[in-house]
């Protein structure tokens, strides 16, 4: 059986880790990802170079995986990273467009251009955790637990795979909608990985 061993739910208002609200936005402001990073005592300087999509996916994975006691130095050949969203890298595409749209004010930014691919976030998570399995990013019109279950279960037909770091990682113009799950095969801990439980976690606000 495949189970959700750990999860992180991040929205503009709060962060929920395995059922516990661990961080909330201040006042009417949206949740600050850098403040969350510092609040949890994470030490990974490359974080500050990431775009917001990568930061949100990175933090979602970081928080969930550390609760499982997994380190960041051991190569993980039996682990994959599979994320999805509806806007791809549009948040960065918009920012990059602003740097090239005017001939009089032309300042293309390589640091922004690097992140105009949605799958960069899966790469950041894989590099941080030395994940050696497949890395994929899917684009759907909207969140779908059915699509997620189908894709992840298909991944687990690879018998060498024992864990998939997966979920919905969306960041567009300040709106954050993130659910990252560590899904494992044949473990005692966690709820069954099915559409009912995926939707239950996604509905946490």
N, C-alpha and C. Protein backbone atom coordinates (compact mmCIF):
# COMPACT_ATOMS: atom_id res chain seq x y z
N UNK A 1 0.84 -1.20 0.00
CA UNK A 1 0.00 0.00 0.00
C UNK A 1 0.88 1.25 0.00
N UNK A 2 0.42 2.28 -0.71
CA UNK A 2 1.13 3.56 -0.75
C UNK A 2 0.48 4.50 0.25
N UNK A 3 1.31 5.16 1.08
CA UNK A 3 0.78 6.05 2.11
C UNK A 3 1.43 7.42 2.08
N UNK A 4 0.69 8.40 2.59
CA UNK A 4 1.21 9.76 2.74
C UNK A 4 1.93 9.79 4.08
N UNK A 5 3.25 9.68 4.06
CA UNK A 5 4.03 9.59 5.29
C UNK A 5 4.21 10.95 5.96
N UNK A 6 4.23 12.01 5.16
CA UNK A 6 4.38 13.37 5.70
C UNK A 6 3.88 14.35 4.65
N UNK A 7 3.45 15.53 5.10
CA UNK A 7 2.98 16.54 4.14
C UNK A 7 3.15 17.94 4.70
N UNK A 8 3.22 18.89 3.79
CA UNK A 8 3.24 20.31 4.14
C UNK A 8 2.21 21.02 3.28
N UNK A 9 1.38 21.84 3.91
CA UNK A 9 0.39 22.66 3.18
C UNK A 9 0.74 24.12 3.42
N UNK A 10 1.06 24.84 2.35
CA UNK A 10 1.43 26.25 2.44
C UNK A 10 0.46 27.10 1.62
N UNK A 11 -0.14 28.08 2.27
CA UNK A 11 -0.98 29.07 1.59
C UNK A 11 -0.49 30.46 1.99
N UNK A 12 -1.18 31.49 1.49
CA UNK A 12 -0.80 32.85 1.84
C UNK A 12 -0.94 33.16 3.33
N UNK A 13 -1.73 32.37 4.03
CA UNK A 13 -2.03 32.66 5.42
C UNK A 13 -1.28 31.79 6.42
N UNK A 14 -0.96 30.55 6.06
CA UNK A 14 -0.38 29.67 7.07
C UNK A 14 0.39 28.50 6.46
N UNK A 15 1.12 27.82 7.35
CA UNK A 15 1.84 26.59 7.00
C UNK A 15 1.38 25.50 7.96
N UNK A 16 0.91 24.40 7.41
CA UNK A 16 0.49 23.26 8.21
C UNK A 16 1.42 22.09 7.88
N UNK A 17 2.04 21.53 8.92
CA UNK A 17 2.97 20.42 8.76
C UNK A 17 2.43 19.21 9.51
N UNK A 18 2.05 18.20 8.76
CA UNK A 18 1.52 16.96 9.37
C UNK A 18 0.41 17.24 10.39
N UNK A 19 -0.49 18.14 10.02
CA UNK A 19 -1.65 18.42 10.86
C UNK A 19 -1.46 19.53 11.87
N UNK A 20 -0.26 20.05 12.01
CA UNK A 20 0.02 21.10 12.99
C UNK A 20 0.33 22.42 12.28
N UNK A 21 -0.35 23.48 12.68
CA UNK A 21 -0.07 24.80 12.11
C UNK A 21 1.20 25.32 12.76
N UNK A 22 2.26 25.49 11.96
CA UNK A 22 3.56 25.85 12.51
C UNK A 22 3.98 27.29 12.21
N UNK A 23 3.26 27.98 11.32
CA UNK A 23 3.66 29.33 10.95
C UNK A 23 2.46 30.04 10.35
N UNK A 24 2.28 31.30 10.71
CA UNK A 24 1.16 32.08 10.16
C UNK A 24 1.65 33.43 9.68
N UNK A 25 0.90 34.01 8.74
CA UNK A 25 1.22 35.34 8.23
C UNK A 25 0.96 36.39 9.31
N UNK A 26 1.67 37.50 9.20
CA UNK A 26 1.51 38.59 10.18
C UNK A 26 0.44 39.56 9.72
N UNK A 27 -0.57 39.76 10.55
CA UNK A 27 -1.63 40.70 10.24
C UNK A 27 -2.32 40.39 8.93
N UNK A 28 -2.45 41.40 8.09
CA UNK A 28 -3.11 41.24 6.80
C UNK A 28 -2.14 40.88 5.68
N UNK A 29 -0.87 40.79 6.02
CA UNK A 29 0.15 40.49 5.01
C UNK A 29 0.11 39.02 4.60
N UNK A 30 0.61 38.74 3.40
CA UNK A 30 0.75 37.36 2.97
C UNK A 30 1.97 36.73 3.64
N UNK A 31 1.95 35.45 3.76
CA UNK A 31 3.04 34.73 4.39
C UNK A 31 4.36 34.99 3.66
N UNK A 32 5.42 35.25 4.41
CA UNK A 32 6.73 35.56 3.86
C UNK A 32 7.59 34.30 3.86
N UNK A 33 8.00 33.85 2.69
CA UNK A 33 8.75 32.59 2.58
C UNK A 33 10.14 32.68 3.21
N UNK A 34 10.76 33.85 3.13
CA UNK A 34 12.08 34.01 3.76
C UNK A 34 11.97 33.96 5.27
N UNK A 35 10.92 34.55 5.81
CA UNK A 35 10.69 34.48 7.25
C UNK A 35 10.44 33.04 7.69
N UNK A 36 9.70 32.29 6.88
CA UNK A 36 9.46 30.88 7.19
C UNK A 36 10.77 30.11 7.20
N UNK A 37 11.60 30.33 6.19
CA UNK A 37 12.91 29.69 6.10
C UNK A 37 13.73 29.94 7.35
N UNK A 38 13.79 31.20 7.77
CA UNK A 38 14.59 31.55 8.95
C UNK A 38 13.96 31.03 10.24
N UNK A 39 12.65 31.06 10.30
CA UNK A 39 11.94 30.57 11.48
C UNK A 39 12.23 29.11 11.75
N UNK A 40 12.41 28.32 10.69
CA UNK A 40 12.64 26.88 10.85
C UNK A 40 14.11 26.52 10.97
N UNK A 41 14.98 27.52 10.95
CA UNK A 41 16.41 27.27 11.15
C UNK A 41 17.06 26.50 10.03
N UNK A 42 16.58 26.67 8.82
CA UNK A 42 17.14 25.95 7.66
C UNK A 42 18.43 26.63 7.22
N UNK A 43 19.42 25.84 6.84
CA UNK A 43 20.71 26.37 6.40
C UNK A 43 21.00 25.89 4.98
N UNK A 44 20.62 26.71 4.02
CA UNK A 44 20.83 26.38 2.61
C UNK A 44 20.88 27.69 1.83
N UNK A 45 22.06 28.33 1.81
CA UNK A 45 22.19 29.68 1.23
C UNK A 45 21.63 29.83 -0.19
N UNK A 46 21.63 28.76 -0.96
CA UNK A 46 21.12 28.84 -2.33
C UNK A 46 19.64 29.23 -2.36
N UNK A 47 18.94 29.05 -1.24
CA UNK A 47 17.53 29.41 -1.14
C UNK A 47 17.29 30.85 -1.58
N UNK A 48 18.20 31.75 -1.22
CA UNK A 48 18.00 33.17 -1.47
C UNK A 48 18.11 33.53 -2.96
N UNK A 49 18.64 32.64 -3.77
CA UNK A 49 18.72 32.87 -5.21
C UNK A 49 17.51 32.32 -5.96
N UNK A 50 16.69 31.53 -5.27
CA UNK A 50 15.54 30.89 -5.92
C UNK A 50 14.42 31.88 -6.19
N UNK A 51 13.58 31.56 -7.18
CA UNK A 51 12.36 32.32 -7.39
C UNK A 51 11.31 31.84 -6.39
N UNK A 52 10.15 32.49 -6.39
CA UNK A 52 9.13 32.16 -5.39
C UNK A 52 8.54 30.76 -5.58
N UNK A 53 8.40 30.31 -6.82
CA UNK A 53 7.90 28.96 -7.06
C UNK A 53 8.86 27.93 -6.47
N UNK A 54 10.14 28.11 -6.74
CA UNK A 54 11.14 27.18 -6.22
C UNK A 54 11.21 27.26 -4.70
N UNK A 55 11.15 28.46 -4.15
CA UNK A 55 11.19 28.61 -2.69
C UNK A 55 10.03 27.87 -2.02
N UNK A 56 8.84 28.03 -2.57
CA UNK A 56 7.66 27.42 -1.94
C UNK A 56 7.71 25.90 -2.04
N UNK A 57 8.12 25.37 -3.19
CA UNK A 57 8.24 23.92 -3.33
C UNK A 57 9.37 23.37 -2.49
N UNK A 58 10.49 24.09 -2.46
CA UNK A 58 11.63 23.69 -1.64
C UNK A 58 11.24 23.60 -0.18
N UNK A 59 10.57 24.63 0.34
CA UNK A 59 10.18 24.63 1.75
C UNK A 59 9.16 23.54 2.06
N UNK A 60 8.22 23.33 1.14
CA UNK A 60 7.25 22.27 1.34
C UNK A 60 7.93 20.92 1.49
N UNK A 61 8.89 20.64 0.62
CA UNK A 61 9.62 19.38 0.68
C UNK A 61 10.53 19.32 1.89
N UNK A 62 11.22 20.41 2.15
CA UNK A 62 12.17 20.47 3.26
C UNK A 62 11.49 20.14 4.58
N UNK A 63 10.37 20.78 4.84
CA UNK A 63 9.68 20.57 6.11
C UNK A 63 9.17 19.14 6.24
N UNK A 64 8.56 18.63 5.18
CA UNK A 64 8.00 17.27 5.25
C UNK A 64 9.09 16.22 5.39
N UNK A 65 10.15 16.32 4.60
CA UNK A 65 11.19 15.29 4.61
C UNK A 65 11.97 15.25 5.92
N UNK A 66 12.18 16.41 6.53
CA UNK A 66 12.92 16.41 7.79
C UNK A 66 12.13 15.72 8.90
N UNK A 67 10.80 15.76 8.84
CA UNK A 67 10.01 15.06 9.87
C UNK A 67 10.15 13.55 9.75
N UNK A 68 10.61 13.07 8.59
CA UNK A 68 10.82 11.64 8.40
C UNK A 68 12.24 11.22 8.79
N UNK A 69 13.03 12.19 9.22
CA UNK A 69 14.39 11.88 9.63
C UNK A 69 15.36 11.67 8.48
N UNK A 70 14.97 12.08 7.29
CA UNK A 70 15.84 11.90 6.12
C UNK A 70 16.90 12.99 6.09
N UNK A 71 18.14 12.61 5.77
CA UNK A 71 19.22 13.59 5.70
C UNK A 71 19.34 14.15 4.29
N UNK A 72 20.27 15.08 4.12
CA UNK A 72 20.46 15.72 2.81
C UNK A 72 21.77 15.30 2.16
N UNK A 73 22.43 14.29 2.71
CA UNK A 73 23.75 13.90 2.19
C UNK A 73 23.77 12.50 1.57
N UNK A 74 22.82 11.65 1.94
CA UNK A 74 22.80 10.29 1.40
C UNK A 74 22.08 10.26 0.06
N UNK A 75 22.70 9.76 -1.01
CA UNK A 75 22.00 9.64 -2.31
C UNK A 75 20.76 8.76 -2.18
N UNK A 76 19.67 9.21 -2.78
CA UNK A 76 18.39 8.50 -2.65
C UNK A 76 17.95 8.02 -4.04
N UNK A 77 18.44 6.84 -4.42
CA UNK A 77 18.16 6.30 -5.74
C UNK A 77 16.71 5.84 -5.89
N UNK A 78 16.06 5.49 -4.79
CA UNK A 78 14.69 5.00 -4.86
C UNK A 78 13.65 6.06 -4.62
N UNK A 79 14.02 7.33 -4.82
CA UNK A 79 13.09 8.45 -4.59
C UNK A 79 12.95 9.27 -5.86
N UNK A 80 11.74 9.75 -6.13
CA UNK A 80 11.46 10.60 -7.28
C UNK A 80 10.79 11.89 -6.81
N UNK A 81 10.80 12.90 -7.68
CA UNK A 81 10.12 14.17 -7.40
C UNK A 81 9.15 14.44 -8.54
N UNK A 82 7.87 14.59 -8.20
CA UNK A 82 6.85 14.85 -9.22
C UNK A 82 5.93 15.95 -8.72
N UNK A 83 6.00 17.11 -9.36
CA UNK A 83 5.15 18.25 -8.99
C UNK A 83 4.23 18.61 -10.15
N UNK A 84 3.24 19.43 -9.84
CA UNK A 84 2.31 19.91 -10.87
C UNK A 84 1.71 21.24 -10.45
N UNK A 85 1.24 22.01 -11.41
CA UNK A 85 0.48 23.23 -11.14
C UNK A 85 -0.29 23.63 -12.40
N UNK A 86 -0.90 24.80 -12.37
CA UNK A 86 -1.69 25.24 -13.53
C UNK A 86 -1.06 26.42 -14.28
N UNK A 87 -0.10 27.10 -13.66
CA UNK A 87 0.45 28.31 -14.29
C UNK A 87 1.87 28.13 -14.80
N UNK A 88 2.43 26.93 -14.65
CA UNK A 88 3.81 26.68 -15.04
C UNK A 88 4.72 27.72 -14.36
N UNK A 89 5.56 28.40 -15.13
CA UNK A 89 6.47 29.41 -14.56
C UNK A 89 5.99 30.82 -14.89
N UNK A 90 4.69 31.00 -15.05
CA UNK A 90 4.15 32.28 -15.51
C UNK A 90 4.56 33.44 -14.63
N UNK A 91 4.70 33.21 -13.32
CA UNK A 91 5.09 34.29 -12.42
C UNK A 91 6.43 34.88 -12.85
N UNK A 92 7.39 34.03 -13.23
CA UNK A 92 8.69 34.50 -13.71
C UNK A 92 8.63 34.99 -15.14
N UNK A 93 7.78 34.37 -15.96
CA UNK A 93 7.63 34.83 -17.34
C UNK A 93 7.18 36.28 -17.38
N UNK A 94 6.23 36.62 -16.50
CA UNK A 94 5.73 38.00 -16.42
C UNK A 94 6.85 38.94 -16.01
N UNK A 95 7.61 38.53 -14.98
CA UNK A 95 8.71 39.36 -14.49
C UNK A 95 9.78 39.55 -15.57
N UNK A 96 10.08 38.49 -16.31
CA UNK A 96 11.10 38.58 -17.34
C UNK A 96 10.63 39.45 -18.51
N UNK A 97 9.35 39.34 -18.84
CA UNK A 97 8.80 40.15 -19.91
C UNK A 97 8.97 41.65 -19.62
N UNK A 98 8.85 42.00 -18.34
CA UNK A 98 9.01 43.40 -17.96
C UNK A 98 10.42 43.91 -18.25
N UNK A 99 11.40 43.01 -18.25
CA UNK A 99 12.79 43.43 -18.45
C UNK A 99 13.17 43.58 -19.92
N UNK A 100 12.31 43.09 -20.83
CA UNK A 100 12.68 43.12 -22.25
C UNK A 100 11.66 43.84 -23.14
N UNK A 101 10.57 44.29 -22.57
CA UNK A 101 9.48 44.82 -23.41
C UNK A 101 9.77 46.19 -23.99
N UNK A 102 10.68 46.91 -23.38
CA UNK A 102 10.93 48.28 -23.82
C UNK A 102 12.37 48.44 -24.30
N UNK A 103 12.53 48.98 -25.51
CA UNK A 103 13.86 49.23 -26.03
C UNK A 103 14.60 50.29 -25.24
N UNK A 104 13.85 51.24 -24.67
CA UNK A 104 14.46 52.31 -23.90
C UNK A 104 14.83 51.87 -22.49
N UNK A 105 14.14 50.84 -22.03
CA UNK A 105 14.38 50.36 -20.66
C UNK A 105 14.59 48.85 -20.69
N UNK A 106 15.65 48.48 -21.41
CA UNK A 106 15.91 47.05 -21.69
C UNK A 106 16.96 46.53 -20.72
N UNK A 107 16.54 45.64 -19.82
CA UNK A 107 17.48 45.13 -18.81
C UNK A 107 17.23 43.64 -18.52
N UNK A 108 17.38 42.78 -19.53
CA UNK A 108 17.11 41.35 -19.33
C UNK A 108 17.93 40.79 -18.18
N UNK A 109 17.25 40.05 -17.30
CA UNK A 109 17.88 39.54 -16.09
C UNK A 109 18.11 38.03 -16.19
N UNK A 110 19.37 37.61 -16.27
CA UNK A 110 19.65 36.16 -16.30
C UNK A 110 19.12 35.45 -15.05
N UNK A 111 19.15 36.13 -13.91
CA UNK A 111 18.70 35.50 -12.66
C UNK A 111 17.21 35.20 -12.70
N UNK A 112 16.43 35.99 -13.46
CA UNK A 112 15.01 35.70 -13.63
C UNK A 112 14.81 34.66 -14.72
N UNK A 113 15.55 34.82 -15.82
CA UNK A 113 15.39 33.92 -16.96
C UNK A 113 15.64 32.46 -16.58
N UNK A 114 16.58 32.22 -15.67
CA UNK A 114 16.89 30.86 -15.24
C UNK A 114 15.64 30.13 -14.76
N UNK A 115 14.71 30.86 -14.15
CA UNK A 115 13.54 30.24 -13.54
C UNK A 115 12.29 30.25 -14.42
N UNK A 116 12.46 30.55 -15.70
CA UNK A 116 11.31 30.52 -16.61
C UNK A 116 11.08 29.11 -17.16
N UNK A 117 11.34 28.13 -16.34
CA UNK A 117 10.99 26.73 -16.58
C UNK A 117 10.43 26.19 -15.27
N UNK A 118 9.22 25.64 -15.33
CA UNK A 118 8.57 25.18 -14.09
C UNK A 118 9.34 24.06 -13.41
N UNK A 119 10.03 23.22 -14.20
CA UNK A 119 10.67 22.05 -13.58
C UNK A 119 11.93 22.40 -12.81
N UNK A 120 12.33 23.66 -12.77
CA UNK A 120 13.49 24.04 -11.96
C UNK A 120 13.24 23.73 -10.48
N UNK A 121 11.99 23.87 -10.04
CA UNK A 121 11.69 23.60 -8.63
C UNK A 121 11.93 22.13 -8.28
N UNK A 122 11.61 21.22 -9.18
CA UNK A 122 11.89 19.80 -8.89
C UNK A 122 13.39 19.57 -8.81
N UNK A 123 14.13 20.28 -9.64
CA UNK A 123 15.59 20.16 -9.60
C UNK A 123 16.17 20.67 -8.30
N UNK A 124 15.65 21.78 -7.80
CA UNK A 124 16.13 22.35 -6.53
C UNK A 124 15.90 21.37 -5.38
N UNK A 125 14.73 20.73 -5.37
CA UNK A 125 14.42 19.76 -4.32
C UNK A 125 15.32 18.54 -4.45
N UNK A 126 15.53 18.08 -5.67
CA UNK A 126 16.36 16.90 -5.90
C UNK A 126 17.82 17.16 -5.50
N UNK A 127 18.33 18.32 -5.86
CA UNK A 127 19.73 18.65 -5.52
C UNK A 127 19.91 18.74 -4.01
N UNK A 128 19.00 19.42 -3.34
CA UNK A 128 19.09 19.59 -1.89
C UNK A 128 19.11 18.24 -1.17
N UNK A 129 18.29 17.30 -1.64
CA UNK A 129 18.11 16.04 -0.94
C UNK A 129 18.84 14.86 -1.59
N UNK A 130 19.64 15.16 -2.62
CA UNK A 130 20.37 14.12 -3.36
C UNK A 130 19.43 13.00 -3.84
N UNK A 131 18.31 13.43 -4.40
CA UNK A 131 17.34 12.50 -4.96
C UNK A 131 17.78 12.12 -6.36
N UNK A 132 17.92 10.83 -6.60
CA UNK A 132 18.49 10.35 -7.86
C UNK A 132 17.45 9.78 -8.83
N UNK A 133 16.20 9.68 -8.39
CA UNK A 133 15.16 9.12 -9.25
C UNK A 133 14.63 10.14 -10.25
N UNK A 134 13.51 9.79 -10.90
CA UNK A 134 12.96 10.67 -11.93
C UNK A 134 12.49 12.00 -11.34
N UNK A 135 12.44 13.01 -12.20
CA UNK A 135 11.97 14.33 -11.81
C UNK A 135 11.03 14.83 -12.90
N UNK A 136 9.78 15.14 -12.53
CA UNK A 136 8.79 15.54 -13.53
C UNK A 136 7.94 16.69 -13.02
N UNK A 137 7.48 17.51 -13.96
CA UNK A 137 6.56 18.59 -13.61
C UNK A 137 5.43 18.60 -14.65
N UNK A 138 4.19 18.48 -14.16
CA UNK A 138 3.01 18.42 -15.03
C UNK A 138 2.19 19.71 -14.90
N UNK A 139 1.60 20.11 -16.02
CA UNK A 139 0.74 21.29 -16.03
C UNK A 139 -0.70 20.85 -16.30
N UNK A 140 -1.60 21.23 -15.39
CA UNK A 140 -3.02 20.94 -15.54
C UNK A 140 -3.83 22.22 -15.40
N UNK A 141 -5.03 22.20 -15.93
CA UNK A 141 -5.89 23.39 -15.86
C UNK A 141 -6.19 23.78 -14.43
N UNK A 142 -6.37 22.80 -13.56
CA UNK A 142 -6.65 23.07 -12.15
C UNK A 142 -6.21 21.87 -11.31
N UNK A 143 -6.19 22.06 -9.99
CA UNK A 143 -5.83 20.98 -9.09
C UNK A 143 -6.77 19.80 -9.29
N UNK A 144 -6.20 18.60 -9.35
CA UNK A 144 -7.00 17.39 -9.51
C UNK A 144 -6.36 16.25 -8.73
N UNK A 145 -7.04 15.82 -7.67
CA UNK A 145 -6.54 14.69 -6.90
C UNK A 145 -6.53 13.42 -7.75
N UNK A 146 -7.46 13.31 -8.67
CA UNK A 146 -7.52 12.13 -9.55
C UNK A 146 -6.26 12.05 -10.42
N UNK A 147 -5.89 13.17 -11.03
CA UNK A 147 -4.68 13.20 -11.85
C UNK A 147 -3.46 12.87 -11.01
N UNK A 148 -3.42 13.44 -9.82
CA UNK A 148 -2.27 13.24 -8.95
C UNK A 148 -2.14 11.77 -8.55
N UNK A 149 -3.25 11.18 -8.14
CA UNK A 149 -3.21 9.77 -7.74
C UNK A 149 -2.78 8.89 -8.91
N UNK A 150 -3.32 9.14 -10.09
CA UNK A 150 -3.00 8.33 -11.26
C UNK A 150 -1.52 8.40 -11.61
N UNK A 151 -0.97 9.60 -11.61
CA UNK A 151 0.44 9.79 -11.99
C UNK A 151 1.38 9.16 -10.96
N UNK A 152 1.09 9.37 -9.69
CA UNK A 152 1.97 8.84 -8.65
C UNK A 152 1.89 7.31 -8.59
N UNK A 153 0.69 6.77 -8.71
CA UNK A 153 0.56 5.31 -8.71
C UNK A 153 1.28 4.70 -9.91
N UNK A 154 1.24 5.39 -11.04
CA UNK A 154 1.97 4.91 -12.22
C UNK A 154 3.47 4.91 -11.95
N UNK A 155 3.94 5.95 -11.27
CA UNK A 155 5.37 6.02 -10.93
C UNK A 155 5.78 4.83 -10.07
N UNK A 156 4.91 4.43 -9.16
CA UNK A 156 5.22 3.33 -8.25
C UNK A 156 5.17 1.95 -8.92
N UNK A 157 4.78 1.90 -10.18
CA UNK A 157 4.90 0.62 -10.89
C UNK A 157 6.36 0.27 -11.12
N UNK A 158 7.23 1.29 -10.99
CA UNK A 158 8.68 1.05 -10.98
C UNK A 158 9.01 0.46 -9.61
N UNK A 159 9.32 -0.81 -9.55
CA UNK A 159 9.49 -1.50 -8.28
C UNK A 159 10.73 -1.04 -7.50
N UNK A 160 11.63 -0.31 -8.16
CA UNK A 160 12.82 0.19 -7.45
C UNK A 160 12.51 1.48 -6.68
N UNK A 161 11.32 2.00 -6.87
CA UNK A 161 10.94 3.26 -6.23
C UNK A 161 10.27 2.99 -4.89
N UNK A 162 10.74 3.65 -3.83
CA UNK A 162 10.10 3.48 -2.53
C UNK A 162 9.50 4.76 -1.98
N UNK A 163 9.82 5.91 -2.60
CA UNK A 163 9.22 7.16 -2.16
C UNK A 163 9.11 8.15 -3.32
N UNK A 164 8.01 8.92 -3.33
CA UNK A 164 7.84 10.02 -4.27
C UNK A 164 7.53 11.29 -3.48
N UNK A 165 8.34 12.32 -3.70
CA UNK A 165 8.04 13.65 -3.16
C UNK A 165 7.18 14.32 -4.22
N UNK A 166 5.93 14.60 -3.89
CA UNK A 166 4.99 15.02 -4.93
C UNK A 166 4.01 16.06 -4.42
N UNK A 167 3.27 16.64 -5.37
CA UNK A 167 2.20 17.54 -4.96
C UNK A 167 1.96 18.68 -5.93
N UNK A 168 1.20 19.63 -5.43
CA UNK A 168 0.76 20.80 -6.18
C UNK A 168 1.57 21.99 -5.71
N UNK A 169 2.32 22.61 -6.62
CA UNK A 169 3.18 23.74 -6.24
C UNK A 169 2.86 24.91 -7.16
N UNK A 170 2.06 25.82 -6.65
CA UNK A 170 1.57 26.96 -7.44
C UNK A 170 1.95 28.28 -6.77
N UNK A 171 2.57 29.16 -7.57
CA UNK A 171 2.86 30.52 -7.09
C UNK A 171 2.69 31.46 -8.27
N UNK A 172 1.73 32.37 -8.17
CA UNK A 172 1.47 33.31 -9.26
C UNK A 172 1.06 34.66 -8.70
N UNK A 173 1.90 35.66 -8.95
CA UNK A 173 1.64 37.04 -8.57
C UNK A 173 1.19 37.16 -7.11
N UNK A 174 1.96 36.57 -6.24
CA UNK A 174 1.72 36.69 -4.81
C UNK A 174 0.77 35.68 -4.22
N UNK A 175 0.11 34.88 -5.07
CA UNK A 175 -0.83 33.87 -4.56
C UNK A 175 -0.12 32.51 -4.49
N UNK A 176 -0.11 31.95 -3.29
CA UNK A 176 0.62 30.72 -3.02
C UNK A 176 -0.36 29.59 -2.69
N UNK A 177 -0.15 28.45 -3.34
CA UNK A 177 -1.05 27.30 -3.17
C UNK A 177 -0.22 26.03 -3.30
N UNK A 178 0.25 25.53 -2.16
CA UNK A 178 1.25 24.46 -2.17
C UNK A 178 0.83 23.30 -1.27
N UNK A 179 0.88 22.11 -1.81
CA UNK A 179 0.72 20.88 -1.04
C UNK A 179 1.81 19.92 -1.48
N UNK A 180 2.77 19.68 -0.60
CA UNK A 180 3.85 18.75 -0.89
C UNK A 180 3.71 17.54 0.03
N UNK A 181 3.74 16.36 -0.55
CA UNK A 181 3.61 15.11 0.22
C UNK A 181 4.81 14.20 -0.03
N UNK A 182 5.22 13.52 1.02
CA UNK A 182 6.19 12.44 0.89
C UNK A 182 5.39 11.15 0.92
N UNK A 183 5.29 10.51 -0.22
CA UNK A 183 4.46 9.32 -0.36
C UNK A 183 5.37 8.10 -0.42
N UNK A 184 5.11 7.12 0.45
CA UNK A 184 5.99 5.96 0.56
C UNK A 184 5.23 4.66 0.40
N UNK A 185 5.96 3.66 -0.02
CA UNK A 185 5.43 2.32 -0.19
C UNK A 185 5.70 1.48 1.06
N UNK A 186 4.67 0.72 1.47
CA UNK A 186 4.83 -0.26 2.55
C UNK A 186 5.39 0.33 3.84
N UNK A 187 4.76 1.41 4.32
CA UNK A 187 5.14 1.99 5.61
C UNK A 187 3.95 1.95 6.55
N UNK A 188 4.22 1.97 7.83
CA UNK A 188 3.15 1.94 8.83
C UNK A 188 2.53 3.32 8.99
N UNK A 189 3.37 4.33 8.98
CA UNK A 189 2.95 5.70 9.25
C UNK A 189 2.15 6.30 8.09
N UNK A 190 1.10 7.05 8.43
CA UNK A 190 0.41 7.84 7.43
C UNK A 190 -0.91 7.28 6.95
N UNK A 191 -1.64 8.13 6.21
CA UNK A 191 -2.93 7.75 5.63
C UNK A 191 -2.71 7.22 4.21
N UNK A 192 -3.64 6.42 3.77
CA UNK A 192 -3.56 5.86 2.42
C UNK A 192 -3.54 6.97 1.38
N UNK A 193 -2.72 6.79 0.35
CA UNK A 193 -2.65 7.76 -0.73
C UNK A 193 -3.80 7.52 -1.69
N UNK A 194 -4.86 8.29 -1.54
CA UNK A 194 -6.02 8.18 -2.42
C UNK A 194 -6.65 9.56 -2.60
N UNK A 195 -7.61 9.67 -3.50
CA UNK A 195 -8.18 10.99 -3.81
C UNK A 195 -8.86 11.62 -2.61
N UNK A 196 -9.50 10.82 -1.78
CA UNK A 196 -10.18 11.35 -0.60
C UNK A 196 -9.18 12.04 0.32
N UNK A 197 -8.08 11.38 0.61
CA UNK A 197 -7.09 11.96 1.53
C UNK A 197 -6.29 13.09 0.90
N UNK A 198 -6.04 13.00 -0.40
CA UNK A 198 -5.36 14.11 -1.09
C UNK A 198 -6.22 15.37 -1.00
N UNK A 199 -7.51 15.24 -1.31
CA UNK A 199 -8.41 16.38 -1.25
C UNK A 199 -8.54 16.93 0.17
N UNK A 200 -8.53 16.04 1.16
CA UNK A 200 -8.63 16.47 2.55
C UNK A 200 -7.46 17.37 2.93
N UNK A 201 -6.26 16.98 2.49
CA UNK A 201 -5.07 17.79 2.80
C UNK A 201 -5.08 19.09 1.99
N UNK A 202 -5.51 19.02 0.75
CA UNK A 202 -5.55 20.23 -0.08
C UNK A 202 -6.56 21.25 0.46
N UNK A 203 -7.62 20.78 1.08
CA UNK A 203 -8.65 21.68 1.60
C UNK A 203 -8.24 22.39 2.87
N UNK A 204 -7.10 22.02 3.46
CA UNK A 204 -6.60 22.72 4.64
C UNK A 204 -6.19 24.14 4.22
N UNK A 205 -6.68 25.12 4.96
CA UNK A 205 -6.35 26.52 4.63
C UNK A 205 -5.68 27.21 5.82
